[in-house]
Structures are given as C-alpha cells and as structure tokens.
Amino acid sequence: MAVRVKICGITRLQDLHDACDSGADALGFVFYEKSPRHVTITAAAELVRALPPFVQSVGLFVNAAPAFIESVLQTVPLDLLQFHGEETPAECARIGRPYIKAIRVNQDTDLLKCAADFEAARGLLLDAYVPGVPGGTGERFDWRLIPANLPQAVVLSGGLTPENVAAAVEQVRPWAVDVSSGVEMAKGIKDAHKIAQFIAKAKEAS
C-alpha cells in the first residue's frame, strides 16, 4: 500500500504548487489564529481554488465555534476537516462533514479508547503531546505506543522530516503521514527541496 502524504500549514501559492508538483495527496490549511501557519478565510479560498484535481484540501481547526467553521465552509470548499483541539465526538460530528481527529500521544494515552470514541472519524492523526500546544511543535513521540490492532486509519504526525520519514513508514505502516515544520525553511514558509525529499522517501518506503 502506498502511503499518502499531507503537507500541512500551506500559506503561499508557491508552496502549494511545489507540494502538488512533488506528489502530495493532501494539503492542510490552518484556521487557528495562534499558529504561525494561520491563513485567513480569503487567503485559504484563493489557495484552494488553485489545487489541481485529486489533491485533497484539509481544514485544521482548534476548539473552533461551529459558526466559525460554517463561515469557513461557506467560502472555502474543504474536502476534509481536521479537529486538533479538545473536541468531543459530538462536536466533531455536528458539522456534518468528513473529519479526522488529532490525538496528542504520550504514555498515558489510550489510543484504543480514542478509536472507539471517534469511530465516526475517517482516521486518527497521531501527534506528539506537548503541554499547552495543540500541534505543529516539530516534536515526535514514541511510535511504539501505537497499538498494532488500532481499528482506525492512522495518520502519523509529529517531528517527521525527510531524514526520518522512511523509518516512520517502515515501522508504523500508517495510512498517511503528515508534515509541517519538518519541510520548512521558516515557520509558515516551506522548502521545495525538503517537500520533494519528504514525499519521495515516504513513497519509496511504502
């Protein structure tokens, strides 16, 4: 099975083109003002309009009010929602759109319970737990904490880089990998060479 690759935190048209040209399967757009990769609704709409066929657009939200999510969806034709805060299963489902749920993992995380709680999710995005930070930290977690019998599709995130993504794919065998800071030259600014290397190594390893 070929692993899918999502490049998250897209803020520039050039980065969008670089990711698509290198074979990205999905691009992530961050609707969280505290993030250095935050995009406005207007900017996101322009970026999503530039996506070629069969590249999925993913909107990342952190404990966002339903009215705000609806306002984004009225302007930005997102394919998938990514909930990266403390949202409950009911809060994720009430928007009525396909979604994935981010889980920040440490040794106390019961991933089997998370999978049962969010059984309606298309998958679980597993990221590193860093106190007070919802994601995008560039930190990785111990991949051995992922149960082999996890029933949900796994999107592996957290501290992935072109240097370690092959090992991650070989060890975890995730449905997809997700990267943001690992392919950047500065926060919110991607590096075309790192993107190409990351995608190539992920695909080769699978």
C-alpha atoms as a PDB file:
ATOM      1  CA  MET A   1       0.000   0.000   0.000  1.00  0.00           C
ATOM      2  CA  ALA A   2       1.370   3.391  -0.979  1.00  0.00           C
ATOM      3  CA  VAL A   3       1.382   5.767   1.975  1.00  0.00           C
ATOM      4  CA  ARG A   4      -0.451   9.047   1.481  1.00  0.00           C
ATOM      5  CA  VAL A   5       1.309  12.325   2.228  1.00  0.00           C
ATOM      6  CA  LYS A   6      -0.236  15.510   3.598  1.00  0.00           C
ATOM      7  CA  ILE A   7       1.732  18.753   3.632  1.00  0.00           C
ATOM      8  CA  CYS A   8       0.182  20.932   6.318  1.00  0.00           C
ATOM      9  CA  GLY A   9       0.381  24.630   7.070  1.00  0.00           C
ATOM     10  CA  ILE A  10       0.277  25.897   3.489  1.00  0.00           C
ATOM     11  CA  THR A  11       0.290  29.696   3.413  1.00  0.00           C
ATOM     12  CA  ARG A  12       1.740  30.536  -0.031  1.00  0.00           C
ATOM     13  CA  LEU A  13       0.760  29.717  -3.600  1.00  0.00           C
ATOM     14  CA  GLN A  14       4.340  28.738  -4.423  1.00  0.00           C
ATOM     15  CA  ASP A  15       4.377  26.195  -1.613  1.00  0.00           C
ATOM     16  CA  LEU A  16       1.080  24.791  -2.834  1.00  0.00           C
ATOM     17  CA  HIS A  17       2.477  24.303  -6.344  1.00  0.00           C
ATOM     18  CA  ASP A  18       5.711  22.798  -5.026  1.00  0.00           C
ATOM     19  CA  ALA A  19       3.808  20.277  -2.896  1.00  0.00           C
ATOM     20  CA  CYS A  20       1.441  19.286  -5.689  1.00  0.00           C
ATOM     21  CA  ASP A  21       4.247  19.002  -8.231  1.00  0.00           C
ATOM     22  CA  SER A  22       6.110  16.695  -5.856  1.00  0.00           C
ATOM     23  CA  GLY A  23       3.113  14.381  -5.480  1.00  0.00           C
ATOM     24  CA  ALA A  24       1.345  15.450  -2.288  1.00  0.00           C
ATOM     25  CA  ASP A  25      -2.004  13.748  -1.775  1.00  0.00           C
ATOM     26  CA  ALA A  26      -3.438  16.419   0.529  1.00  0.00           C
ATOM     27  CA  LEU A  27      -2.663  19.926   1.710  1.00  0.00           C
ATOM     28  CA  GLY A  28      -3.588  21.384   5.087  1.00  0.00           C
ATOM     29  CA  PHE A  29      -4.801  24.906   5.798  1.00  0.00           C
ATOM     30  CA  VAL A  30      -4.696  26.151   9.397  1.00  0.00           C
ATOM     31  CA  PHE A  31      -7.657  28.167  10.701  1.00  0.00           C
ATOM     32  CA  TYR A  32      -6.183  28.811  14.136  1.00  0.00           C
ATOM     33  CA  GLU A  33      -5.020  32.353  14.783  1.00  0.00           C
ATOM     34  CA  LYS A  34      -2.345  31.428  17.329  1.00  0.00           C
ATOM     35  CA  SER A  35      -0.495  29.336  14.772  1.00  0.00           C
ATOM     36  CA  PRO A  36       2.341  30.875  12.718  1.00  0.00           C
ATOM     37  CA  ARG A  37       0.804  28.980   9.788  1.00  0.00           C
ATOM     38  CA  HIS A  38      -2.624  30.561  10.151  1.00  0.00           C
ATOM     39  CA  VAL A  39      -4.410  31.607   6.961  1.00  0.00           C
ATOM     40  CA  THR A  40      -7.394  33.904   6.620  1.00  0.00           C
ATOM     41  CA  ILE A  41     -10.587  32.683   5.016  1.00  0.00           C
ATOM     42  CA  THR A  42      -9.959  34.841   1.964  1.00  0.00           C
ATOM     43  CA  ALA A  43      -6.387  33.601   1.546  1.00  0.00           C
ATOM     44  CA  ALA A  44      -7.419  29.977   2.012  1.00  0.00           C
ATOM     45  CA  ALA A  45     -10.154  30.317  -0.603  1.00  0.00           C
ATOM     46  CA  GLU A  46      -7.628  31.571  -3.133  1.00  0.00           C
ATOM     47  CA  LEU A  47      -5.223  28.756  -2.339  1.00  0.00           C
ATOM     48  CA  VAL A  48      -7.840  26.007  -2.505  1.00  0.00           C
ATOM     49  CA  ARG A  49      -9.058  27.294  -5.875  1.00  0.00           C
ATOM     50  CA  ALA A  50      -5.534  26.675  -7.181  1.00  0.00           C
ATOM     51  CA  LEU A  51      -5.493  22.987  -6.234  1.00  0.00           C
ATOM     52  CA  PRO A  52      -5.289  20.522  -9.132  1.00  0.00           C
ATOM     53  CA  PRO A  53      -7.667  17.542  -9.407  1.00  0.00           C
ATOM     54  CA  PHE A  54      -7.396  14.751  -6.838  1.00  0.00           C
ATOM     55  CA  VAL A  55      -5.376  16.717  -4.275  1.00  0.00           C
ATOM     56  CA  GLN A  56      -7.472  16.937  -1.124  1.00  0.00           C
ATOM     57  CA  SER A  57      -7.931  20.135   0.872  1.00  0.00           C
ATOM     58  CA  VAL A  58      -7.946  19.756   4.672  1.00  0.00           C
ATOM     59  CA  GLY A  59      -9.008  22.487   7.093  1.00  0.00           C
ATOM     60  CA  LEU A  60      -7.433  22.404  10.556  1.00  0.00           C
ATOM     61  CA  PHE A  61      -9.455  23.789  13.473  1.00  0.00           C
ATOM     62  CA  VAL A  62      -8.665  24.010  17.193  1.00  0.00           C
ATOM     63  CA  ASN A  63     -11.676  24.211  19.534  1.00  0.00           C
ATOM     64  CA  ALA A  64     -13.419  26.416  16.978  1.00  0.00           C
ATOM     65  CA  ALA A  65     -17.011  27.580  17.338  1.00  0.00           C
ATOM     66  CA  PRO A  66     -19.416  25.882  14.914  1.00  0.00           C
ATOM     67  CA  ALA A  67     -20.377  29.274  13.491  1.00  0.00           C
ATOM     68  CA  PHE A  68     -16.759  29.969  12.590  1.00  0.00           C
ATOM     69  CA  ILE A  69     -16.328  26.586  10.913  1.00  0.00           C
ATOM     70  CA  GLU A  70     -19.519  27.170   8.935  1.00  0.00           C
ATOM     71  CA  SER A  71     -18.271  30.601   7.864  1.00  0.00           C
ATOM     72  CA  VAL A  72     -15.087  28.992   6.540  1.00  0.00           C
ATOM     73  CA  LEU A  73     -17.028  26.314   4.684  1.00  0.00           C
ATOM     74  CA  GLN A  74     -19.248  28.897   3.024  1.00  0.00           C
ATOM     75  CA  THR A  75     -16.190  30.326   1.277  1.00  0.00           C
ATOM     76  CA  VAL A  76     -13.562  27.574   1.248  1.00  0.00           C
ATOM     77  CA  PRO A  77     -14.582  24.245  -0.382  1.00  0.00           C
ATOM     78  CA  LEU A  78     -12.727  21.967   2.023  1.00  0.00           C
ATOM     79  CA  ASP A  79     -12.764  18.223   1.405  1.00  0.00           C
ATOM     80  CA  LEU A  80     -11.959  17.167   4.957  1.00  0.00           C
ATOM     81  CA  LEU A  81     -11.946  18.731   8.429  1.00  0.00           C
ATOM     82  CA  GLN A  82      -9.166  18.140  10.949  1.00  0.00           C
ATOM     83  CA  PHE A  83     -10.040  18.753  14.595  1.00  0.00           C
ATOM     84  CA  HIS A  84      -6.877  19.406  16.560  1.00  0.00           C
ATOM     85  CA  GLY A  85      -8.182  20.559  19.937  1.00  0.00           C
ATOM     86  CA  GLU A  86     -10.229  19.058  22.747  1.00  0.00           C
ATOM     87  CA  GLU A  87     -13.322  18.499  20.621  1.00  0.00           C
ATOM     88  CA  THR A  88     -15.703  15.728  21.653  1.00  0.00           C
ATOM     89  CA  PRO A  89     -17.041  13.169  19.165  1.00  0.00           C
ATOM     90  CA  ALA A  90     -20.377  15.030  19.127  1.00  0.00           C
ATOM     91  CA  GLU A  91     -18.658  18.352  18.430  1.00  0.00           C
ATOM     92  CA  CYS A  92     -16.714  16.831  15.540  1.00  0.00           C
ATOM     93  CA  ALA A  93     -19.799  15.209  14.054  1.00  0.00           C
ATOM     94  CA  ARG A  94     -22.216  18.132  14.313  1.00  0.00           C
ATOM     95  CA  ILE A  95     -20.714  19.925  11.316  1.00  0.00           C
ATOM     96  CA  GLY A  96     -21.795  17.017   9.131  1.00  0.00           C
ATOM     97  CA  ARG A  97     -18.552  16.814   7.145  1.00  0.00           C
ATOM     98  CA  PRO A  98     -15.940  14.048   6.889  1.00  0.00           C
ATOM     99  CA  TYR A  99     -13.255  14.582   9.510  1.00  0.00           C
ATOM    100  CA  ILE A 100     -10.127  13.254  11.143  1.00  0.00           C
ATOM    101  CA  LYS A 101      -9.350  13.726  14.828  1.00  0.00           C
ATOM    102  CA  ALA A 102      -5.898  14.630  16.096  1.00  0.00           C
ATOM    103  CA  ILE A 103      -4.753  12.854  19.240  1.00  0.00           C
ATOM    104  CA  ARG A 104      -1.694  14.094  21.125  1.00  0.00           C
ATOM    105  CA  VAL A 105       0.076  10.964  22.281  1.00  0.00           C
ATOM    106  CA  ASN A 106       2.084  10.220  25.414  1.00  0.00           C
ATOM    107  CA  GLN A 107       2.488   7.110  27.567  1.00  0.00           C
ATOM    108  CA  ASP A 108      -0.883   7.734  29.236  1.00  0.00           C
ATOM    109  CA  THR A 109      -2.900   7.933  26.016  1.00  0.00           C
ATOM    110  CA  ASP A 110      -5.389   5.105  25.484  1.00  0.00           C
ATOM    111  CA  LEU A 111      -5.492   5.011  21.705  1.00  0.00           C
ATOM    112  CA  LEU A 112      -7.915   2.094  21.575  1.00  0.00           C
ATOM    113  CA  LYS A 113     -10.407   4.141  23.599  1.00  0.00           C
ATOM    114  CA  CYS A 114      -9.811   7.140  21.336  1.00  0.00           C
ATOM    115  CA  ALA A 115     -10.542   4.992  18.316  1.00  0.00           C
ATOM    116  CA  ALA A 116     -13.770   3.768  19.892  1.00  0.00           C
ATOM    117  CA  ASP A 117     -14.821   7.280  20.922  1.00  0.00           C
ATOM    118  CA  PHE A 118     -14.122   8.719  17.453  1.00  0.00           C
ATOM    119  CA  GLU A 119     -15.329   5.757  15.438  1.00  0.00           C
ATOM    120  CA  ALA A 120     -17.080   8.141  13.019  1.00  0.00           C
ATOM    121  CA  ALA A 121     -13.765   9.779  12.091  1.00  0.00           C
ATOM    122  CA  ARG A 122     -12.100   8.882   8.811  1.00  0.00           C
ATOM    123  CA  GLY A 123      -8.923   8.369  10.802  1.00  0.00           C
ATOM    124  CA  LEU A 124      -6.849   9.420  13.792  1.00  0.00           C
ATOM    125  CA  LEU A 125      -3.953  11.829  13.340  1.00  0.00           C
ATOM    126  CA  LEU A 126      -1.367  10.937  15.964  1.00  0.00           C
ATOM    127  CA  ASP A 127       0.850  13.802  17.101  1.00  0.00           C
ATOM    128  CA  ALA A 128       3.243  14.384  19.989  1.00  0.00           C
ATOM    129  CA  TYR A 129       1.859  15.615  23.294  1.00  0.00           C
ATOM    130  CA  VAL A 130       3.421  18.947  24.268  1.00  0.00           C
ATOM    131  CA  PRO A 131       1.687  20.683  27.210  1.00  0.00           C
ATOM    132  CA  GLY A 132      -0.268  23.750  26.163  1.00  0.00           C
ATOM    133  CA  VAL A 133       0.419  23.399  22.445  1.00  0.00           C
ATOM    134  CA  PRO A 134      -2.176  21.796  20.130  1.00  0.00           C
ATOM    135  CA  GLY A 135       0.304  20.810  17.422  1.00  0.00           C
ATOM    136  CA  GLY A 136       2.932  21.908  14.953  1.00  0.00           C
ATOM    137  CA  THR A 137       5.710  21.589  17.525  1.00  0.00           C
ATOM    138  CA  GLY A 138       8.114  19.510  15.475  1.00  0.00           C
ATOM    139  CA  GLU A 139       8.349  17.025  18.345  1.00  0.00           C
ATOM    140  CA  ARG A 140       7.955  13.301  17.787  1.00  0.00           C
ATOM    141  CA  PHE A 141       6.545  10.683  20.125  1.00  0.00           C
ATOM    142  CA  ASP A 142       7.410   7.053  20.724  1.00  0.00           C
ATOM    143  CA  TRP A 143       5.840   5.209  17.799  1.00  0.00           C
ATOM    144  CA  ARG A 144       5.828   2.015  19.872  1.00  0.00           C
ATOM    145  CA  LEU A 145       2.853   3.477  21.757  1.00  0.00           C
ATOM    146  CA  ILE A 146       0.629   2.859  18.710  1.00  0.00           C
ATOM    147  CA  PRO A 147      -1.285  -0.436  19.127  1.00  0.00           C
ATOM    148  CA  ALA A 148      -0.916  -2.847  16.235  1.00  0.00           C
ATOM    149  CA  ASN A 149      -4.660  -3.548  16.372  1.00  0.00           C
ATOM    150  CA  LEU A 150      -5.811   0.079  16.213  1.00  0.00           C
ATOM    151  CA  PRO A 151      -9.008  -0.094  14.115  1.00  0.00           C
ATOM    152  CA  GLN A 152      -8.807   3.455  12.775  1.00  0.00           C
ATOM    153  CA  ALA A 153      -6.661   4.562   9.864  1.00  0.00           C
ATOM    154  CA  VAL A 154      -3.507   6.165  11.265  1.00  0.00           C
ATOM    155  CA  VAL A 155      -2.188   9.489  10.026  1.00  0.00           C
ATOM    156  CA  LEU A 156       1.266   9.750  11.593  1.00  0.00           C
ATOM    157  CA  SER A 157       2.474  13.217  12.506  1.00  0.00           C
ATOM    158  CA  GLY A 158       4.846  14.873  14.943  1.00  0.00           C
ATOM    159  CA  GLY A 159       8.507  15.556  14.270  1.00  0.00           C
ATOM    160  CA  LEU A 160       8.632  13.941  10.843  1.00  0.00           C
ATOM    161  CA  THR A 161      11.373  15.082   8.472  1.00  0.00           C
ATOM    162  CA  PRO A 162      12.902  13.912   5.188  1.00  0.00           C
ATOM    163  CA  GLU A 163      15.540  12.187   7.314  1.00  0.00           C
ATOM    164  CA  ASN A 164      13.201  10.031   9.433  1.00  0.00           C
ATOM    165  CA  VAL A 165      10.020   9.590   7.393  1.00  0.00           C
ATOM    166  CA  ALA A 166      11.189   6.360   5.757  1.00  0.00           C
ATOM    167  CA  ALA A 167      11.839   4.780   9.159  1.00  0.00           C
ATOM    168  CA  ALA A 168       8.439   6.011  10.349  1.00  0.00           C
ATOM    169  CA  VAL A 169       6.641   4.448   7.414  1.00  0.00           C
ATOM    170  CA  GLU A 170       8.535   1.175   7.733  1.00  0.00           C
ATOM    171  CA  GLN A 171       7.908   0.880  11.478  1.00  0.00           C
ATOM    172  CA  VAL A 172       4.345   2.170  11.839  1.00  0.00           C
ATOM    173  CA  ARG A 173       2.874   1.374   8.405  1.00  0.00           C
ATOM    174  CA  PRO A 174       0.434   4.293   8.647  1.00  0.00           C
ATOM    175  CA  TRP A 175      -2.274   5.079   6.135  1.00  0.00           C
ATOM    176  CA  ALA A 176      -0.723   8.525   5.745  1.00  0.00           C
ATOM    177  CA  VAL A 177       1.991  10.819   7.069  1.00  0.00           C
ATOM    178  CA  ASP A 178       1.538  14.494   7.862  1.00  0.00           C
ATOM    179  CA  VAL A 179       4.305  17.094   7.975  1.00  0.00           C
ATOM    180  CA  SER A 180       4.516  20.826   8.533  1.00  0.00           C
ATOM    181  CA  SER A 181       7.607  22.174  10.307  1.00  0.00           C
ATOM    182  CA  GLY A 182       9.757  19.317   9.000  1.00  0.00           C
ATOM    183  CA  VAL A 183       9.669  20.731   5.466  1.00  0.00           C
ATOM    184  CA  GLU A 184      10.026  24.421   6.290  1.00  0.00           C
ATOM    185  CA  MET A 185      12.789  26.997   5.894  1.00  0.00           C
ATOM    186  CA  ALA A 186      10.929  29.258   8.373  1.00  0.00           C
ATOM    187  CA  LYS A 187       7.629  28.989  10.225  1.00  0.00           C
ATOM    188  CA  GLY A 188       4.884  29.008   7.618  1.00  0.00           C
ATOM    189  CA  ILE A 189       7.345  29.069   4.706  1.00  0.00           C
ATOM    190  CA  LYS A 190       8.003  25.734   3.026  1.00  0.00           C
ATOM    191  CA  ASP A 191      11.196  24.493   1.405  1.00  0.00           C
ATOM    192  CA  ALA A 192      10.584  22.988  -2.045  1.00  0.00           C
ATOM    193  CA  HIS A 193      13.571  20.630  -1.819  1.00  0.00           C
ATOM    194  CA  LYS A 194      12.544  19.328   1.606  1.00  0.00           C
ATOM    195  CA  ILE A 195       8.984  18.756   0.376  1.00  0.00           C
ATOM    196  CA  ALA A 196      10.215  16.779  -2.626  1.00  0.00           C
ATOM    197  CA  GLN A 197      12.595  14.725  -0.486  1.00  0.00           C
ATOM    198  CA  PHE A 198       9.971  14.027   2.158  1.00  0.00           C
ATOM    199  CA  ILE A 199       7.366  12.810  -0.322  1.00  0.00           C
ATOM    200  CA  ALA A 200       9.843  10.723  -2.316  1.00  0.00           C
ATOM    201  CA  LYS A 201      11.248   8.981   0.757  1.00  0.00           C
ATOM    202  CA  ALA A 202       7.794   8.323   2.225  1.00  0.00           C
ATOM    203  CA  LYS A 203       6.535   6.793  -1.009  1.00  0.00           C
ATOM    204  CA  GLU A 204       9.690   4.723  -1.526  1.00  0.00           C
ATOM    205  CA  ALA A 205       9.492   3.307   1.999  1.00  0.00           C
ATOM    206  CA  SER A 206       5.929   2.104   1.447  1.00  0.00           C
END
